[in-house]
Amino acid sequence: SEKNKSIKLKLIFSLLACGLIIALCVFI
């Protein structure tokens, strides 16, 4: 369950970071 939480946290981070980078690309 600790490993599953770690993977879930990485998924959330990747979604947020990807969203921010996409927003930056659209703005530029």
PDB file of all heavy atoms in Angstrom:
ATOM      1  N   SER A   1       0.828  -1.204   0.000  1.00  0.00           N
ATOM      2  CA  SER A   1       0.000   0.000   0.000  1.00  0.00           C
ATOM      3  C   SER A   1       0.864   1.257   0.000  1.00  0.00           C
ATOM      4  O   SER A   1       0.491   2.260  -0.588  1.00  0.00           O
ATOM      5  CB  SER A   1      -0.951   0.004   1.192  1.00  0.00           C
ATOM      6  OG  SER A   1      -0.245   0.130   2.403  1.00  0.00           O
ATOM      7  N   GLU A   2       2.047   1.204   0.637  1.00  0.00           N
ATOM      8  CA  GLU A   2       2.962   2.349   0.599  1.00  0.00           C
ATOM      9  C   GLU A   2       3.451   2.589  -0.821  1.00  0.00           C
ATOM     10  O   GLU A   2       3.532   3.727  -1.277  1.00  0.00           O
ATOM     11  CB  GLU A   2       4.155   2.110   1.523  1.00  0.00           C
ATOM     12  CG  GLU A   2       3.838   2.201   2.987  1.00  0.00           C
ATOM     13  CD  GLU A   2       5.017   1.819   3.858  1.00  0.00           C
ATOM     14  OE1 GLU A   2       6.146   1.721   3.351  1.00  0.00           O
ATOM     15  OE2 GLU A   2       4.795   1.620   5.060  1.00  0.00           O
ATOM     16  N   LYS A   3       3.758   1.517  -1.524  1.00  0.00           N
ATOM     17  CA  LYS A   3       4.222   1.650  -2.900  1.00  0.00           C
ATOM     18  C   LYS A   3       3.103   2.196  -3.778  1.00  0.00           C
ATOM     19  O   LYS A   3       3.338   3.036  -4.647  1.00  0.00           O
ATOM     20  CB  LYS A   3       4.716   0.310  -3.427  1.00  0.00           C
ATOM     21  CG  LYS A   3       5.390   0.412  -4.758  1.00  0.00           C
ATOM     22  CD  LYS A   3       6.035  -0.884  -5.145  1.00  0.00           C
ATOM     23  CE  LYS A   3       6.765  -0.733  -6.464  1.00  0.00           C
ATOM     24  NZ  LYS A   3       7.426  -1.945  -6.871  1.00  0.00           N
ATOM     25  N   ASN A   4       1.860   1.747  -3.555  1.00  0.00           N
ATOM     26  CA  ASN A   4       0.723   2.239  -4.322  1.00  0.00           C
ATOM     27  C   ASN A   4       0.509   3.728  -4.071  1.00  0.00           C
ATOM     28  O   ASN A   4       0.207   4.478  -4.990  1.00  0.00           O
ATOM     29  CB  ASN A   4      -0.529   1.439  -3.971  1.00  0.00           C
ATOM     30  CG  ASN A   4      -1.642   1.658  -4.957  1.00  0.00           C
ATOM     31  OD1 ASN A   4      -1.417   2.090  -6.079  1.00  0.00           O
ATOM     32  ND2 ASN A   4      -2.855   1.369  -4.535  1.00  0.00           N
ATOM     33  N   LYS A   5       0.674   4.173  -2.826  1.00  0.00           N
ATOM     34  CA  LYS A   5       0.545   5.593  -2.509  1.00  0.00           C
ATOM     35  C   LYS A   5       1.623   6.394  -3.214  1.00  0.00           C
ATOM     36  O   LYS A   5       1.375   7.495  -3.707  1.00  0.00           O
ATOM     37  CB  LYS A   5       0.631   5.813  -1.002  1.00  0.00           C
ATOM     38  CG  LYS A   5      -0.596   5.388  -0.252  1.00  0.00           C
ATOM     39  CD  LYS A   5      -0.433   5.620   1.235  1.00  0.00           C
ATOM     40  CE  LYS A   5      -1.604   5.061   2.011  1.00  0.00           C
ATOM     41  NZ  LYS A   5      -1.416   5.217   3.459  1.00  0.00           N
ATOM     42  N   SER A   6       2.823   5.844  -3.276  1.00  0.00           N
ATOM     43  CA  SER A   6       3.926   6.526  -3.939  1.00  0.00           C
ATOM     44  C   SER A   6       3.643   6.686  -5.428  1.00  0.00           C
ATOM     45  O   SER A   6       3.861   7.761  -5.999  1.00  0.00           O
ATOM     46  CB  SER A   6       5.224   5.740  -3.730  1.00  0.00           C
ATOM     47  OG  SER A   6       6.255   6.261  -4.509  1.00  0.00           O
ATOM     48  N   ILE A   7       3.144   5.651  -6.060  1.00  0.00           N
ATOM     49  CA  ILE A   7       2.833   5.719  -7.486  1.00  0.00           C
ATOM     50  C   ILE A   7       1.679   6.686  -7.727  1.00  0.00           C
ATOM     51  O   ILE A   7       1.696   7.459  -8.688  1.00  0.00           O
ATOM     52  CB  ILE A   7       2.522   4.312  -8.038  1.00  0.00           C
ATOM     53  CG1 ILE A   7       3.803   3.462  -8.043  1.00  0.00           C
ATOM     54  CG2 ILE A   7       1.943   4.383  -9.433  1.00  0.00           C
ATOM     55  CD1 ILE A   7       3.591   2.023  -8.420  1.00  0.00           C
ATOM     56  N   LYS A   8       0.691   6.678  -6.837  1.00  0.00           N
ATOM     57  CA  LYS A   8      -0.436   7.604  -6.974  1.00  0.00           C
ATOM     58  C   LYS A   8       0.035   9.050  -6.831  1.00  0.00           C
ATOM     59  O   LYS A   8      -0.398   9.933  -7.576  1.00  0.00           O
ATOM     60  CB  LYS A   8      -1.501   7.284  -5.925  1.00  0.00           C
ATOM     61  CG  LYS A   8      -2.773   8.055  -6.090  1.00  0.00           C
ATOM     62  CD  LYS A   8      -3.809   7.609  -5.081  1.00  0.00           C
ATOM     63  CE  LYS A   8      -5.105   8.352  -5.235  1.00  0.00           C
ATOM     64  NZ  LYS A   8      -6.105   7.921  -4.265  1.00  0.00           N
ATOM     65  N   LEU A   9       0.938   9.299  -5.899  1.00  0.00           N
ATOM     66  CA  LEU A   9       1.477  10.641  -5.714  1.00  0.00           C
ATOM     67  C   LEU A   9       2.249  11.086  -6.955  1.00  0.00           C
ATOM     68  O   LEU A   9       2.139  12.239  -7.391  1.00  0.00           O
ATOM     69  CB  LEU A   9       2.379  10.673  -4.481  1.00  0.00           C
ATOM     70  CG  LEU A   9       2.964  12.017  -4.098  1.00  0.00           C
ATOM     71  CD1 LEU A   9       1.847  12.971  -3.701  1.00  0.00           C
ATOM     72  CD2 LEU A   9       3.943  11.860  -2.955  1.00  0.00           C
ATOM     73  N   LYS A  10       3.018  10.175  -7.544  1.00  0.00           N
ATOM     74  CA  LYS A  10       3.760  10.503  -8.770  1.00  0.00           C
ATOM     75  C   LYS A  10       2.794  10.797  -9.919  1.00  0.00           C
ATOM     76  O   LYS A  10       3.070  11.678 -10.738  1.00  0.00           O
ATOM     77  CB  LYS A  10       4.694   9.353  -9.143  1.00  0.00           C
ATOM     78  CG  LYS A  10       5.867   9.221  -8.210  1.00  0.00           C
ATOM     79  CD  LYS A  10       6.713   8.026  -8.571  1.00  0.00           C
ATOM     80  CE  LYS A  10       7.836   7.841  -7.563  1.00  0.00           C
ATOM     81  NZ  LYS A  10       8.624   6.628  -7.855  1.00  0.00           N
ATOM     82  N   LEU A  11       1.682  10.072  -9.987  1.00  0.00           N
ATOM     83  CA  LEU A  11       0.679  10.330 -11.022  1.00  0.00           C
ATOM     84  C   LEU A  11       0.091  11.729 -10.855  1.00  0.00           C
ATOM     85  O   LEU A  11      -0.017  12.487 -11.824  1.00  0.00           O
ATOM     86  CB  LEU A  11      -0.422   9.278 -10.964  1.00  0.00           C
ATOM     87  CG  LEU A  11      -1.639   9.522 -11.853  1.00  0.00           C
ATOM     88  CD1 LEU A  11      -1.244   9.513 -13.319  1.00  0.00           C
ATOM     89  CD2 LEU A  11      -2.714   8.490 -11.577  1.00  0.00           C
ATOM     90  N   ILE A  12      -0.270  12.084  -9.640  1.00  0.00           N
ATOM     91  CA  ILE A  12      -0.836  13.414  -9.383  1.00  0.00           C
ATOM     92  C   ILE A  12       0.180  14.499  -9.726  1.00  0.00           C
ATOM     93  O   ILE A  12      -0.150  15.505 -10.361  1.00  0.00           O
ATOM     94  CB  ILE A  12      -1.312  13.521  -7.922  1.00  0.00           C
ATOM     95  CG1 ILE A  12      -2.524  12.620  -7.707  1.00  0.00           C
ATOM     96  CG2 ILE A  12      -1.650  14.963  -7.556  1.00  0.00           C
ATOM     97  CD1 ILE A  12      -2.923  12.451  -6.255  1.00  0.00           C
ATOM     98  N   PHE A  13       1.436  14.290  -9.320  1.00  0.00           N
ATOM     99  CA  PHE A  13       2.483  15.266  -9.627  1.00  0.00           C
ATOM    100  C   PHE A  13       2.646  15.417 -11.134  1.00  0.00           C
ATOM    101  O   PHE A  13       2.763  16.531 -11.645  1.00  0.00           O
ATOM    102  CB  PHE A  13       3.810  14.849  -8.989  1.00  0.00           C
ATOM    103  CG  PHE A  13       4.945  15.738  -9.366  1.00  0.00           C
ATOM    104  CD1 PHE A  13       5.091  16.981  -8.787  1.00  0.00           C
ATOM    105  CD2 PHE A  13       5.858  15.341 -10.331  1.00  0.00           C
ATOM    106  CE1 PHE A  13       6.136  17.814  -9.147  1.00  0.00           C
ATOM    107  CE2 PHE A  13       6.908  16.153 -10.698  1.00  0.00           C
ATOM    108  CZ  PHE A  13       7.043  17.399 -10.103  1.00  0.00           C
ATOM    109  N   SER A  14       2.656  14.304 -11.865  1.00  0.00           N
ATOM    110  CA  SER A  14       2.843  14.386 -13.315  1.00  0.00           C
ATOM    111  C   SER A  14       1.688  15.125 -13.975  1.00  0.00           C
ATOM    112  O   SER A  14       1.901  15.898 -14.911  1.00  0.00           O
ATOM    113  CB  SER A  14       3.026  12.992 -13.922  1.00  0.00           C
ATOM    114  OG  SER A  14       1.832  12.257 -13.865  1.00  0.00           O
ATOM    115  N   LEU A  15       0.459  14.900 -13.497  1.00  0.00           N
ATOM    116  CA  LEU A  15      -0.691  15.613 -14.060  1.00  0.00           C
ATOM    117  C   LEU A  15      -0.594  17.118 -13.808  1.00  0.00           C
ATOM    118  O   LEU A  15      -0.819  17.928 -14.720  1.00  0.00           O
ATOM    119  CB  LEU A  15      -1.993  15.063 -13.482  1.00  0.00           C
ATOM    120  CG  LEU A  15      -2.421  13.691 -13.977  1.00  0.00           C
ATOM    121  CD1 LEU A  15      -3.570  13.161 -13.132  1.00  0.00           C
ATOM    122  CD2 LEU A  15      -2.802  13.748 -15.439  1.00  0.00           C
ATOM    123  N   LEU A  16      -0.250  17.482 -12.582  1.00  0.00           N
ATOM    124  CA  LEU A  16      -0.150  18.908 -12.254  1.00  0.00           C
ATOM    125  C   LEU A  16       0.998  19.583 -13.006  1.00  0.00           C
ATOM    126  O   LEU A  16       0.833  20.670 -13.567  1.00  0.00           O
ATOM    127  CB  LEU A  16       0.025  19.093 -10.749  1.00  0.00           C
ATOM    128  CG  LEU A  16      -1.188  18.744  -9.890  1.00  0.00           C
ATOM    129  CD1 LEU A  16      -0.835  18.850  -8.410  1.00  0.00           C
ATOM    130  CD2 LEU A  16      -2.351  19.647 -10.225  1.00  0.00           C
ATOM    131  N   ALA A  17       2.155  18.948 -13.013  1.00  0.00           N
ATOM    132  CA  ALA A  17       3.310  19.533 -13.693  1.00  0.00           C
ATOM    133  C   ALA A  17       3.062  19.636 -15.192  1.00  0.00           C
ATOM    134  O   ALA A  17       3.388  20.654 -15.819  1.00  0.00           O
ATOM    135  CB  ALA A  17       4.558  18.703 -13.412  1.00  0.00           C
ATOM    136  N   CYS A  18       2.474  18.620 -15.763  1.00  0.00           N
ATOM    137  CA  CYS A  18       2.170  18.636 -17.197  1.00  0.00           C
ATOM    138  C   CYS A  18       1.170  19.754 -17.502  1.00  0.00           C
ATOM    139  O   CYS A  18       1.307  20.475 -18.493  1.00  0.00           O
ATOM    140  CB  CYS A  18       1.634  17.283 -17.627  1.00  0.00           C
ATOM    141  SG  CYS A  18       1.517  17.068 -19.400  1.00  0.00           S
ATOM    142  N   GLY A  19       0.166  19.909 -16.659  1.00  0.00           N
ATOM    143  CA  GLY A  19      -0.803  20.980 -16.840  1.00  0.00           C
ATOM    144  C   GLY A  19      -0.160  22.363 -16.780  1.00  0.00           C
ATOM    145  O   GLY A  19      -0.471  23.241 -17.597  1.00  0.00           O
ATOM    146  N   LEU A  20       0.757  22.551 -15.848  1.00  0.00           N
ATOM    147  CA  LEU A  20       1.446  23.841 -15.744  1.00  0.00           C
ATOM    148  C   LEU A  20       2.331  24.116 -16.960  1.00  0.00           C
ATOM    149  O   LEU A  20       2.361  25.241 -17.481  1.00  0.00           O
ATOM    150  CB  LEU A  20       2.288  23.889 -14.472  1.00  0.00           C
ATOM    151  CG  LEU A  20       1.504  24.040 -13.172  1.00  0.00           C
ATOM    152  CD1 LEU A  20       2.437  23.905 -11.975  1.00  0.00           C
ATOM    153  CD2 LEU A  20       0.794  25.381 -13.145  1.00  0.00           C
ATOM    154  N   ILE A  21       3.037  23.102 -17.424  1.00  0.00           N
ATOM    155  CA  ILE A  21       3.897  23.286 -18.592  1.00  0.00           C
ATOM    156  C   ILE A  21       3.066  23.577 -19.839  1.00  0.00           C
ATOM    157  O   ILE A  21       3.422  24.431 -20.653  1.00  0.00           O
ATOM    158  CB  ILE A  21       4.815  22.055 -18.787  1.00  0.00           C
ATOM    159  CG1 ILE A  21       5.784  21.941 -17.615  1.00  0.00           C
ATOM    160  CG2 ILE A  21       5.580  22.146 -20.097  1.00  0.00           C
ATOM    161  CD1 ILE A  21       6.564  20.638 -17.582  1.00  0.00           C
ATOM    162  N   ILE A  22       1.941  22.882 -19.975  1.00  0.00           N
ATOM    163  CA  ILE A  22       1.054  23.138 -21.113  1.00  0.00           C
ATOM    164  C   ILE A  22       0.501  24.564 -21.040  1.00  0.00           C
ATOM    165  O   ILE A  22       0.456  25.272 -22.055  1.00  0.00           O
ATOM    166  CB  ILE A  22      -0.080  22.095 -21.170  1.00  0.00           C
ATOM    167  CG1 ILE A  22       0.482  20.739 -21.586  1.00  0.00           C
ATOM    168  CG2 ILE A  22      -1.198  22.541 -22.112  1.00  0.00           C
ATOM    169  CD1 ILE A  22      -0.503  19.590 -21.473  1.00  0.00           C
ATOM    170  N   ALA A  23       0.107  24.988 -19.855  1.00  0.00           N
ATOM    171  CA  ALA A  23      -0.399  26.361 -19.700  1.00  0.00           C
ATOM    172  C   ALA A  23       0.677  27.381 -20.055  1.00  0.00           C
ATOM    173  O   ALA A  23       0.388  28.391 -20.715  1.00  0.00           O
ATOM    174  CB  ALA A  23      -0.887  26.574 -18.267  1.00  0.00           C
ATOM    175  N   LEU A  24       1.901  27.110 -19.675  1.00  0.00           N
ATOM    176  CA  LEU A  24       3.005  28.007 -20.013  1.00  0.00           C
ATOM    177  C   LEU A  24       3.214  28.053 -21.528  1.00  0.00           C
ATOM    178  O   LEU A  24       3.404  29.133 -22.096  1.00  0.00           O
ATOM    179  CB  LEU A  24       4.286  27.553 -19.310  1.00  0.00           C
ATOM    180  CG  LEU A  24       5.536  28.375 -19.605  1.00  0.00           C
ATOM    181  CD1 LEU A  24       5.382  29.786 -19.048  1.00  0.00           C
ATOM    182  CD2 LEU A  24       6.759  27.703 -19.033  1.00  0.00           C
ATOM    183  N   CYS A  25       3.175  26.890 -22.175  1.00  0.00           N
ATOM    184  CA  CYS A  25       3.335  26.854 -23.637  1.00  0.00           C
ATOM    185  C   CYS A  25       2.215  27.633 -24.330  1.00  0.00           C
ATOM    186  O   CYS A  25       2.464  28.381 -25.285  1.00  0.00           O
ATOM    187  CB  CYS A  25       3.362  25.413 -24.131  1.00  0.00           C
ATOM    188  SG  CYS A  25       4.866  24.518 -23.745  1.00  0.00           S
ATOM    189  N   VAL A  26       0.990  27.461 -23.875  1.00  0.00           N
ATOM    190  CA  VAL A  26      -0.150  28.183 -24.470  1.00  0.00           C
ATOM    191  C   VAL A  26       0.026  29.689 -24.272  1.00  0.00           C
ATOM    192  O   VAL A  26      -0.160  30.482 -25.211  1.00  0.00           O
ATOM    193  CB  VAL A  26      -1.487  27.697 -23.867  1.00  0.00           C
ATOM    194  CG1 VAL A  26      -2.645  28.603 -24.282  1.00  0.00           C
ATOM    195  CG2 VAL A  26      -1.762  26.256 -24.267  1.00  0.00           C
ATOM    196  N   PHE A  27       0.422  30.102 -23.069  1.00  0.00           N
ATOM    197  CA  PHE A  27       0.626  31.528 -22.795  1.00  0.00           C
ATOM    198  C   PHE A  27       1.714  32.113 -23.695  1.00  0.00           C
ATOM    199  O   PHE A  27       1.521  33.170 -24.302  1.00  0.00           O
ATOM    200  CB  PHE A  27       0.993  31.740 -21.326  1.00  0.00           C
ATOM    201  CG  PHE A  27       1.412  33.139 -21.023  1.00  0.00           C
ATOM    202  CD1 PHE A  27       0.479  34.164 -20.953  1.00  0.00           C
ATOM    203  CD2 PHE A  27       2.758  33.454 -20.843  1.00  0.00           C
ATOM    204  CE1 PHE A  27       0.864  35.467 -20.696  1.00  0.00           C
ATOM    205  CE2 PHE A  27       3.150  34.747 -20.581  1.00  0.00           C
ATOM    206  CZ  PHE A  27       2.205  35.762 -20.510  1.00  0.00           C
ATOM    207  N   ILE A  28       2.854  31.410 -23.776  1.00  0.00           N
ATOM    208  CA  ILE A  28       3.959  31.922 -24.606  1.00  0.00           C
ATOM    209  C   ILE A  28       3.530  31.994 -26.065  1.00  0.00           C
ATOM    210  O   ILE A  28       3.823  32.971 -26.764  1.00  0.00           O
ATOM    211  CB  ILE A  28       5.213  31.034 -24.433  1.00  0.00           C
ATOM    212  CG1 ILE A  28       5.794  31.220 -23.031  1.00  0.00           C
ATOM    213  CG2 ILE A  28       6.267  31.355 -25.483  1.00  0.00           C
ATOM    214  CD1 ILE A  28       6.907  30.257 -22.690  1.00  0.00           C
TER     215      ILE A  28
END
